[in-house]
PDB file of N, CA and C in Angstrom:
ATOM      1  N   UNK A   1      36.628  -2.593 -62.108  1.00  0.00           N
ATOM      2  CA  UNK A   1      37.657  -1.284 -62.787  1.00  0.00           C
ATOM      3  C   UNK A   1      36.540  -0.622 -62.351  1.00  0.00           C
ATOM      4  N   UNK A   2      37.646   0.873 -62.176  1.00  0.00           N
ATOM      5  CA  UNK A   2      37.544   1.983 -61.475  1.00  0.00           C
ATOM      6  C   UNK A   2      37.943   3.013 -62.246  1.00  0.00           C
ATOM      7  N   UNK A   3      37.464   4.313 -62.572  1.00  0.00           N
ATOM      8  CA  UNK A   3      38.331   5.280 -63.368  1.00  0.00           C
ATOM      9  C   UNK A   3      38.028   6.518 -62.556  1.00  0.00           C
ATOM     10  N   UNK A   4      39.008   7.006 -62.188  1.00  0.00           N
ATOM     11  CA  UNK A   4      39.404   8.261 -61.584  1.00  0.00           C
ATOM     12  C   UNK A   4      39.359   9.714 -62.436  1.00  0.00           C
ATOM     13  N   UNK A   5      39.508   9.732 -63.611  1.00  0.00           N
ATOM     14  CA  UNK A   5      40.421  10.832 -64.268  1.00  0.00           C
ATOM     15  C   UNK A   5      39.233  10.894 -65.387  1.00  0.00           C
ATOM     16  N   UNK A   6      38.647  12.472 -65.424  1.00  0.00           N
ATOM     17  CA  UNK A   6      37.410  12.360 -66.639  1.00  0.00           C
ATOM     18  C   UNK A   6      38.001  13.546 -67.357  1.00  0.00           C
ATOM     19  N   UNK A   7      37.943  13.248 -69.006  1.00  0.00           N
ATOM     20  CA  UNK A   7      37.737  14.868 -69.527  1.00  0.00           C
ATOM     21  C   UNK A   7      36.549  14.447 -71.024  1.00  0.00           C
ATOM     22  N   UNK A   8      36.295  15.462 -71.119  1.00  0.00           N
ATOM     23  CA  UNK A   8      35.394  15.835 -72.239  1.00  0.00           C
ATOM     24  C   UNK A   8      35.617  17.235 -72.824  1.00  0.00           C
ATOM     25  N   UNK A   9      35.198  17.231 -74.192  1.00  0.00           N
ATOM     26  CA  UNK A   9      34.844  18.424 -75.155  1.00  0.00           C
ATOM     27  C   UNK A   9      34.012  19.225 -74.594  1.00  0.00           C
ATOM     28  N   UNK A  10      34.336  20.596 -73.930  1.00  0.00           N
ATOM     29  CA  UNK A  10      32.843  21.155 -73.590  1.00  0.00           C
ATOM     30  C   UNK A  10      32.304  21.905 -74.539  1.00  0.00           C
ATOM     31  N   UNK A  11      32.020  21.889 -75.804  1.00  0.00           N
ATOM     32  CA  UNK A  11      31.442  21.644 -76.494  1.00  0.00           C
ATOM     33  C   UNK A  11      30.447  20.509 -76.735  1.00  0.00           C
ATOM     34  N   UNK A  12      31.082  19.534 -76.727  1.00  0.00           N
ATOM     35  CA  UNK A  12      29.793  18.345 -76.850  1.00  0.00           C
ATOM     36  C   UNK A  12      29.447  18.262 -75.409  1.00  0.00           C
ATOM     37  N   UNK A  13      29.668  18.319 -74.502  1.00  0.00           N
ATOM     38  CA  UNK A  13      29.047  18.328 -73.177  1.00  0.00           C
ATOM     39  C   UNK A  13      27.892  19.399 -73.118  1.00  0.00           C
ATOM     40  N   UNK A  14      28.084  20.790 -73.493  1.00  0.00           N
ATOM     41  CA  UNK A  14      27.032  21.494 -73.561  1.00  0.00           C
ATOM     42  C   UNK A  14      25.963  21.013 -74.997  1.00  0.00           C
ATOM     43  N   UNK A  15      26.308  20.350 -75.960  1.00  0.00           N
ATOM     44  CA  UNK A  15      25.010  19.811 -76.621  1.00  0.00           C
ATOM     45  C   UNK A  15      24.643  18.231 -76.328  1.00  0.00           C
ATOM     46  N   UNK A  16      25.267  17.931 -75.435  1.00  0.00           N
ATOM     47  CA  UNK A  16      24.935  16.545 -74.543  1.00  0.00           C
ATOM     48  C   UNK A  16      23.999  17.072 -73.237  1.00  0.00           C
ATOM     49  N   UNK A  17      24.166  18.132 -73.007  1.00  0.00           N
ATOM     50  CA  UNK A  17      22.815  18.541 -71.667  1.00  0.00           C
ATOM     51  C   UNK A  17      21.802  19.346 -72.593  1.00  0.00           C
ATOM     52  N   UNK A  18      21.499  19.864 -73.899  1.00  0.00           N
ATOM     53  CA  UNK A  18      20.692  20.670 -74.189  1.00  0.00           C
ATOM     54  C   UNK A  18      20.137  19.039 -74.833  1.00  0.00           C
ATOM     55  N   UNK A  19      20.426  18.170 -75.359  1.00  0.00           N
ATOM     56  CA  UNK A  19      19.822  17.106 -75.876  1.00  0.00           C
ATOM     57  C   UNK A  19      19.287  16.186 -75.115  1.00  0.00           C
ATOM     58  N   UNK A  20      20.227  15.726 -73.868  1.00  0.00           N
ATOM     59  CA  UNK A  20      19.575  14.707 -72.483  1.00  0.00           C
ATOM     60  C   UNK A  20      19.693  14.871 -71.345  1.00  0.00           C
ATOM     61  N   UNK A  21      19.771  16.860 -70.908  1.00  0.00           N
ATOM     62  CA  UNK A  21      19.238  17.269 -70.196  1.00  0.00           C
ATOM     63  C   UNK A  21      20.474  16.565 -68.826  1.00  0.00           C
ATOM     64  N   UNK A  22      21.394  15.915 -69.047  1.00  0.00           N
ATOM     65  CA  UNK A  22      21.973  15.546 -67.988  1.00  0.00           C
ATOM     66  C   UNK A  22      23.915  16.049 -68.647  1.00  0.00           C
ATOM     67  N   UNK A  23      24.797  16.753 -67.314  1.00  0.00           N
ATOM     68  CA  UNK A  23      25.794  17.139 -67.420  1.00  0.00           C
ATOM     69  C   UNK A  23      26.899  15.801 -67.139  1.00  0.00           C
ATOM     70  N   UNK A  24      28.106  16.402 -67.660  1.00  0.00           N
ATOM     71  CA  UNK A  24      28.976  15.263 -68.018  1.00  0.00           C
ATOM     72  C   UNK A  24      29.871  15.089 -66.825  1.00  0.00           C
ATOM     73  N   UNK A  25      29.439  16.122 -66.029  1.00  0.00           N
ATOM     74  CA  UNK A  25      29.799  16.292 -64.343  1.00  0.00           C
ATOM     75  C   UNK A  25      29.180  15.091 -63.519  1.00  0.00           C
ATOM     76  N   UNK A  26      28.174  14.388 -64.196  1.00  0.00           N
ATOM     77  CA  UNK A  26      27.360  13.017 -63.911  1.00  0.00           C
ATOM     78  C   UNK A  26      28.654  11.756 -63.624  1.00  0.00           C
ATOM     79  N   UNK A  27      29.282  11.384 -64.416  1.00  0.00           N
ATOM     80  CA  UNK A  27      30.162  10.954 -64.720  1.00  0.00           C
ATOM     81  C   UNK A  27      31.192  10.373 -63.161  1.00  0.00           C
ATOM     82  N   UNK A  28      31.378  11.398 -62.556  1.00  0.00           N
ATOM     83  CA  UNK A  28      31.843  11.209 -61.210  1.00  0.00           C
ATOM     84  C   UNK A  28      31.248  10.382 -60.287  1.00  0.00           C
ATOM     85  N   UNK A  29      29.597   9.712 -60.662  1.00  0.00           N
ATOM     86  CA  UNK A  29      29.086   9.294 -59.450  1.00  0.00           C
ATOM     87  C   UNK A  29      28.823   7.973 -59.998  1.00  0.00           C
ATOM     88  N   UNK A  30      29.273   8.035 -61.778  1.00  0.00           N
ATOM     89  CA  UNK A  30      29.227   6.345 -62.082  1.00  0.00           C
ATOM     90  C   UNK A  30      29.774   5.198 -61.202  1.00  0.00           C
ATOM     91  N   UNK A  31      28.200   4.375 -61.603  1.00  0.00           N
ATOM     92  CA  UNK A  31      29.305   3.130 -60.256  1.00  0.00           C
ATOM     93  C   UNK A  31      29.653   1.714 -61.530  1.00  0.00           C
ATOM     94  N   UNK A  32      31.165   2.264 -61.268  1.00  0.00           N
ATOM     95  CA  UNK A  32      31.986   1.275 -62.030  1.00  0.00           C
ATOM     96  C   UNK A  32      31.267   0.008 -61.853  1.00  0.00           C
ATOM     97  N   UNK A  33      31.179  -0.527 -60.833  1.00  0.00           N
ATOM     98  CA  UNK A  33      31.244  -1.801 -60.374  1.00  0.00           C
ATOM     99  C   UNK A  33      29.277  -2.259 -60.780  1.00  0.00           C
ATOM    100  N   UNK A  34      28.193  -1.834 -61.584  1.00  0.00           N
ATOM    101  CA  UNK A  34      27.322  -2.187 -62.059  1.00  0.00           C
ATOM    102  C   UNK A  34      27.572  -2.204 -63.668  1.00  0.00           C
ATOM    103  N   UNK A  35      28.588  -1.681 -63.881  1.00  0.00           N
ATOM    104  CA  UNK A  35      28.787  -1.382 -65.450  1.00  0.00           C
ATOM    105  C   UNK A  35      28.583  -2.227 -66.187  1.00  0.00           C
ATOM    106  N   UNK A  36      27.972  -2.491 -67.111  1.00  0.00           N
ATOM    107  CA  UNK A  36      28.049  -3.696 -68.604  1.00  0.00           C
ATOM    108  C   UNK A  36      28.633  -3.104 -69.393  1.00  0.00           C
ATOM    109  N   UNK A  37      29.899  -3.191 -69.771  1.00  0.00           N
ATOM    110  CA  UNK A  37      30.466  -3.041 -70.633  1.00  0.00           C
ATOM    111  C   UNK A  37      30.741  -3.341 -72.309  1.00  0.00           C
ATOM    112  N   UNK A  38      30.595  -2.505 -73.212  1.00  0.00           N
ATOM    113  CA  UNK A  38      30.172  -3.521 -74.723  1.00  0.00           C
ATOM    114  C   UNK A  38      31.130  -2.660 -75.895  1.00  0.00           C
ATOM    115  N   UNK A  39      32.013  -2.807 -76.373  1.00  0.00           N
ATOM    116  CA  UNK A  39      32.514  -1.914 -77.613  1.00  0.00           C
ATOM    117  C   UNK A  39      31.295  -1.506 -78.248  1.00  0.00           C
ATOM    118  N   UNK A  40      31.624  -0.046 -78.922  1.00  0.00           N
ATOM    119  CA  UNK A  40      30.866   0.445 -79.708  1.00  0.00           C
ATOM    120  C   UNK A  40      31.379   0.356 -80.944  1.00  0.00           C
ATOM    121  N   UNK A  41      30.445  -0.524 -81.761  1.00  0.00           N
ATOM    122  CA  UNK A  41      30.520  -0.704 -83.008  1.00  0.00           C
ATOM    123  C   UNK A  41      29.637  -0.506 -84.042  1.00  0.00           C
ATOM    124  N   UNK A  42      28.735   0.591 -83.825  1.00  0.00           N
ATOM    125  CA  UNK A  42      27.774   0.953 -84.491  1.00  0.00           C
ATOM    126  C   UNK A  42      28.273   1.392 -86.022  1.00  0.00           C
ATOM    127  N   UNK A  43      29.862   2.143 -85.989  1.00  0.00           N
ATOM    128  CA  UNK A  43      30.431   3.251 -86.928  1.00  0.00           C
ATOM    129  C   UNK A  43      31.525   2.902 -86.886  1.00  0.00           C
ATOM    130  N   UNK A  44      32.609   2.901 -87.778  1.00  0.00           N
ATOM    131  CA  UNK A  44      33.917   2.949 -87.442  1.00  0.00           C
ATOM    132  C   UNK A  44      34.491   4.693 -87.217  1.00  0.00           C
ATOM    133  N   UNK A  45      34.943   4.844 -85.950  1.00  0.00           N
ATOM    134  CA  UNK A  45      35.102   5.882 -85.154  1.00  0.00           C
ATOM    135  C   UNK A  45      36.628   6.570 -85.465  1.00  0.00           C
ATOM    136  N   UNK A  46      37.697   5.733 -85.557  1.00  0.00           N
ATOM    137  CA  UNK A  46      39.108   6.003 -85.832  1.00  0.00           C
ATOM    138  C   UNK A  46      39.822   5.784 -84.707  1.00  0.00           C
ATOM    139  N   UNK A  47      38.639   5.378 -83.596  1.00  0.00           N
ATOM    140  CA  UNK A  47      39.352   4.952 -82.172  1.00  0.00           C
ATOM    141  C   UNK A  47      38.199   4.146 -81.637  1.00  0.00           C
ATOM    142  N   UNK A  48      38.689   3.190 -80.408  1.00  0.00           N
ATOM    143  CA  UNK A  48      37.820   2.375 -79.881  1.00  0.00           C
ATOM    144  C   UNK A  48      36.739   3.124 -78.935  1.00  0.00           C
ATOM    145  N   UNK A  49      35.550   2.557 -79.014  1.00  0.00           N
ATOM    146  CA  UNK A  49      34.397   3.482 -78.480  1.00  0.00           C
ATOM    147  C   UNK A  49      33.939   2.333 -77.045  1.00  0.00           C
ATOM    148  N   UNK A  50      33.453   2.541 -76.434  1.00  0.00           N
ATOM    149  CA  UNK A  50      33.083   1.894 -75.713  1.00  0.00           C
ATOM    150  C   UNK A  50      31.139   2.121 -75.203  1.00  0.00           C
ATOM    151  N   UNK A  51      30.517   1.560 -74.935  1.00  0.00           N
ATOM    152  CA  UNK A  51      29.508   1.685 -74.310  1.00  0.00           C
ATOM    153  C   UNK A  51      29.337   1.574 -72.917  1.00  0.00           C
ATOM    154  N   UNK A  52      29.055   2.174 -71.695  1.00  0.00           N
ATOM    155  CA  UNK A  52      28.952   1.727 -70.518  1.00  0.00           C
ATOM    156  C   UNK A  52      27.394   1.472 -70.137  1.00  0.00           C
ATOM    157  N   UNK A  53      27.066   0.682 -69.257  1.00  0.00           N
ATOM    158  CA  UNK A  53      25.396   0.819 -69.061  1.00  0.00           C
ATOM    159  C   UNK A  53      25.840   0.610 -67.642  1.00  0.00           C
ATOM    160  N   UNK A  54      25.465   1.390 -66.620  1.00  0.00           N
ATOM    161  CA  UNK A  54      25.752   1.417 -65.018  1.00  0.00           C
ATOM    162  C   UNK A  54      24.807   2.676 -64.771  1.00  0.00           C
ATOM    163  N   UNK A  55      25.062   2.584 -63.039  1.00  0.00           N
ATOM    164  CA  UNK A  55      24.037   2.952 -62.348  1.00  0.00           C
ATOM    165  C   UNK A  55      24.710   4.343 -62.120  1.00  0.00           C
ATOM    166  N   UNK A  56      23.884   5.611 -61.969  1.00  0.00           N
ATOM    167  CA  UNK A  56      24.309   6.885 -61.639  1.00  0.00           C
ATOM    168  C   UNK A  56      23.420   6.696 -60.304  1.00  0.00           C
ATOM    169  N   UNK A  57      23.480   6.975 -59.302  1.00  0.00           N
ATOM    170  CA  UNK A  57      22.479   7.070 -58.295  1.00  0.00           C
ATOM    171  C   UNK A  57      21.463   5.824 -58.487  1.00  0.00           C
ATOM    172  N   UNK A  58      20.252   6.124 -58.172  1.00  0.00           N
ATOM    173  CA  UNK A  58      19.403   5.301 -58.646  1.00  0.00           C
ATOM    174  C   UNK A  58      18.756   4.701 -59.924  1.00  0.00           C
ATOM    175  N   UNK A  59      19.644   5.205 -60.681  1.00  0.00           N
ATOM    176  CA  UNK A  59      18.999   5.228 -62.327  1.00  0.00           C
ATOM    177  C   UNK A  59      20.289   4.838 -63.214  1.00  0.00           C
ATOM    178  N   UNK A  60      19.710   3.805 -64.137  1.00  0.00           N
ATOM    179  CA  UNK A  60      20.764   3.247 -65.651  1.00  0.00           C
ATOM    180  C   UNK A  60      20.892   4.423 -66.345  1.00  0.00           C
ATOM    181  N   UNK A  61      22.474   4.488 -66.471  1.00  0.00           N
ATOM    182  CA  UNK A  61      22.678   5.417 -67.190  1.00  0.00           C
ATOM    183  C   UNK A  61      23.651   4.699 -68.602  1.00  0.00           C
ATOM    184  N   UNK A  62      23.388   5.285 -70.028  1.00  0.00           N
ATOM    185  CA  UNK A  62      24.365   4.922 -70.663  1.00  0.00           C
ATOM    186  C   UNK A  62      25.132   5.742 -71.030  1.00  0.00           C
ATOM    187  N   UNK A  63      26.880   5.246 -70.696  1.00  0.00           N
ATOM    188  CA  UNK A  63      27.773   6.372 -71.218  1.00  0.00           C
ATOM    189  C   UNK A  63      28.766   5.892 -72.344  1.00  0.00           C
ATOM    190  N   UNK A  64      29.013   6.968 -73.674  1.00  0.00           N
ATOM    191  CA  UNK A  64      29.721   6.665 -74.601  1.00  0.00           C
ATOM    192  C   UNK A  64      31.102   7.250 -74.351  1.00  0.00           C
ATOM    193  N   UNK A  65      32.149   6.337 -74.349  1.00  0.00           N
ATOM    194  CA  UNK A  65      33.439   6.764 -73.954  1.00  0.00           C
ATOM    195  C   UNK A  65      34.716   6.423 -74.803  1.00  0.00           C
ATOM    196  N   UNK A  66      36.088   7.020 -74.745  1.00  0.00           N
ATOM    197  CA  UNK A  66      36.955   6.050 -75.108  1.00  0.00           C
ATOM    198  C   UNK A  66      38.358   6.413 -74.586  1.00  0.00           C
ATOM    199  N   UNK A  67      39.115   5.352 -74.075  1.00  0.00           N
ATOM    200  CA  UNK A  67      40.344   5.654 -73.150  1.00  0.00           C
ATOM    201  C   UNK A  67      41.116   6.589 -74.069  1.00  0.00           C
ATOM    202  N   UNK A  68      41.723   7.622 -73.201  1.00  0.00           N
ATOM    203  CA  UNK A  68      42.813   8.616 -73.601  1.00  0.00           C
ATOM    204  C   UNK A  68      43.711   8.902 -72.779  1.00  0.00           C
ATOM    205  N   UNK A  69      45.347   8.127 -73.210  1.00  0.00           N
ATOM    206  CA  UNK A  69      46.011   7.962 -71.825  1.00  0.00           C
ATOM    207  C   UNK A  69      45.526   7.423 -70.957  1.00  0.00           C
ATOM    208  N   UNK A  70      45.509   8.363 -69.917  1.00  0.00           N
ATOM    209  CA  UNK A  70      44.961   7.478 -68.620  1.00  0.00           C
ATOM    210  C   UNK A  70      43.683   8.401 -68.014  1.00  0.00           C
ATOM    211  N   UNK A  71      43.166   8.561 -69.095  1.00  0.00           N
ATOM    212  CA  UNK A  71      41.965   9.330 -68.875  1.00  0.00           C
ATOM    213  C   UNK A  71      40.349   8.597 -69.231  1.00  0.00           C
ATOM    214  N   UNK A  72      39.054   8.584 -68.786  1.00  0.00           N
ATOM    215  CA  UNK A  72      38.014   8.473 -70.134  1.00  0.00           C
ATOM    216  C   UNK A  72      37.956   9.717 -70.188  1.00  0.00           C
ATOM    217  N   UNK A  73      37.862   9.421 -71.786  1.00  0.00           N
ATOM    218  CA  UNK A  73      37.095  10.864 -72.532  1.00  0.00           C
ATOM    219  C   UNK A  73      35.706  10.683 -72.783  1.00  0.00           C
ATOM    220  N   UNK A  74      35.047  11.391 -72.363  1.00  0.00           N
ATOM    221  CA  UNK A  74      33.327  11.220 -72.120  1.00  0.00           C
ATOM    222  C   UNK A  74      32.984  11.693 -73.500  1.00  0.00           C
ATOM    223  N   UNK A  75      32.326  10.951 -74.028  1.00  0.00           N
ATOM    224  CA  UNK A  75      31.754  11.014 -75.373  1.00  0.00           C
ATOM    225  C   UNK A  75      29.819  11.573 -75.466  1.00  0.00           C
ATOM    226  N   UNK A  76      29.333  10.944 -74.525  1.00  0.00           N
ATOM    227  CA  UNK A  76      28.104  10.731 -74.560  1.00  0.00           C
ATOM    228  C   UNK A  76      27.360  10.197 -73.148  1.00  0.00           C
ATOM    229  N   UNK A  77      26.599  11.192 -72.482  1.00  0.00           N
ATOM    230  CA  UNK A  77      26.272  10.397 -71.433  1.00  0.00           C
ATOM    231  C   UNK A  77      24.697  11.056 -71.200  1.00  0.00           C
ATOM    232  N   UNK A  78      23.466   9.941 -71.154  1.00  0.00           N
ATOM    233  CA  UNK A  78      21.924   9.987 -71.053  1.00  0.00           C
ATOM    234  C   UNK A  78      21.521   8.459 -70.233  1.00  0.00           C
ATOM    235  N   UNK A  79      20.002   8.865 -69.707  1.00  0.00           N
ATOM    236  CA  UNK A  79      19.308   7.881 -69.327  1.00  0.00           C
ATOM    237  C   UNK A  79      19.076   5.984 -70.474  1.00  0.00           C
ATOM    238  N   UNK A  80      19.686   5.703 -69.615  1.00  0.00           N
ATOM    239  CA  UNK A  80      19.505   4.109 -70.727  1.00  0.00           C
ATOM    240  C   UNK A  80      17.308   4.785 -71.064  1.00  0.00           C
ATOM    241  N   UNK A  81      17.593   3.640 -72.095  1.00  0.00           N
ATOM    242  CA  UNK A  81      16.059   3.302 -72.638  1.00  0.00           C
ATOM    243  C   UNK A  81      15.616   2.443 -72.059  1.00  0.00           C
ATOM    244  N   UNK A  82      14.209   2.307 -72.187  1.00  0.00           N
ATOM    245  CA  UNK A  82      13.471   0.817 -72.013  1.00  0.00           C
ATOM    246  C   UNK A  82      14.069  -0.176 -72.572  1.00  0.00           C
ATOM    247  N   UNK A  83      14.437  -0.087 -73.433  1.00  0.00           N
ATOM    248  CA  UNK A  83      15.240  -1.551 -74.235  1.00  0.00           C
ATOM    249  C   UNK A  83      16.541  -1.293 -73.804  1.00  0.00           C
ATOM    250  N   UNK A  84      17.148  -0.800 -73.679  1.00  0.00           N
ATOM    251  CA  UNK A  84      18.582  -0.949 -72.985  1.00  0.00           C
ATOM    252  C   UNK A  84      18.373  -1.185 -71.373  1.00  0.00           C
ATOM    253  N   UNK A  85      17.313  -0.745 -70.967  1.00  0.00           N
ATOM    254  CA  UNK A  85      17.048  -1.423 -69.084  1.00  0.00           C
ATOM    255  C   UNK A  85      16.991  -2.770 -69.074  1.00  0.00           C
ATOM    256  N   UNK A  86      16.340  -2.993 -70.168  1.00  0.00           N
ATOM    257  CA  UNK A  86      15.811  -4.983 -70.248  1.00  0.00           C
ATOM    258  C   UNK A  86      16.810  -5.646 -70.403  1.00  0.00           C
ATOM    259  N   UNK A  87      18.093  -4.773 -71.570  1.00  0.00           N
ATOM    260  CA  UNK A  87      18.743  -5.964 -71.821  1.00  0.00           C
ATOM    261  C   UNK A  87      19.787  -5.829 -70.711  1.00  0.00           C
ATOM    262  N   UNK A  88      20.152  -5.042 -69.990  1.00  0.00           N
ATOM    263  CA  UNK A  88      21.004  -4.615 -68.789  1.00  0.00           C
ATOM    264  C   UNK A  88      20.162  -5.659 -68.000  1.00  0.00           C
ATOM    265  N   UNK A  89      19.002  -5.244 -67.762  1.00  0.00           N
ATOM    266  CA  UNK A  89      18.569  -6.811 -66.425  1.00  0.00           C
ATOM    267  C   UNK A  89      18.803  -7.878 -67.064  1.00  0.00           C
ATOM    268  N   UNK A  90      18.643  -8.557 -68.386  1.00  0.00           N
ATOM    269  CA  UNK A  90      18.776  -9.682 -68.427  1.00  0.00           C
ATOM    270  C   UNK A  90      20.422 -10.160 -68.859  1.00  0.00           C
ATOM    271  N   UNK A  91      21.340  -9.421 -68.767  1.00  0.00           N
ATOM    272  CA  UNK A  91      22.505  -9.611 -68.453  1.00  0.00           C
ATOM    273  C   UNK A  91      22.996  -9.751 -66.867  1.00  0.00           C
ATOM    274  N   UNK A  92      22.161  -9.280 -66.235  1.00  0.00           N
ATOM    275  CA  UNK A  92      22.221  -9.420 -64.819  1.00  0.00           C
ATOM    276  C   UNK A  92      21.798 -10.168 -64.353  1.00  0.00           C
ATOM    277  N   UNK A  93      21.113 -11.184 -64.957  1.00  0.00           N
ATOM    278  CA  UNK A  93      20.388 -12.131 -64.689  1.00  0.00           C
ATOM    279  C   UNK A  93      21.068 -13.410 -64.871  1.00  0.00           C
ATOM    280  N   UNK A  94      21.952 -13.207 -66.177  1.00  0.00           N
ATOM    281  CA  UNK A  94      23.051 -14.337 -66.542  1.00  0.00           C
ATOM    282  C   UNK A  94      24.306 -14.731 -65.747  1.00  0.00           C
TER     283      UNK A  94
END
């Protein structure tokens, strides 16, 4: 799986940058071949959302997204925390 078209809300992107220090523009470098994707069932959002754990350059990131038409709509992007890195590594071993 590899997506080439991304979209996002500019206000959400600015908030994400302030909170996590990363621009949504970095999703262009997201390596889908490394992705571990799980449904985001933390809340009821009114649309299916997904958590994608994958590499951007040499670091593990978490991207929250939904699919809209033919694009991936980015909701959030940040570096993975230690718990998430461990979960990702355990999944890679299995």
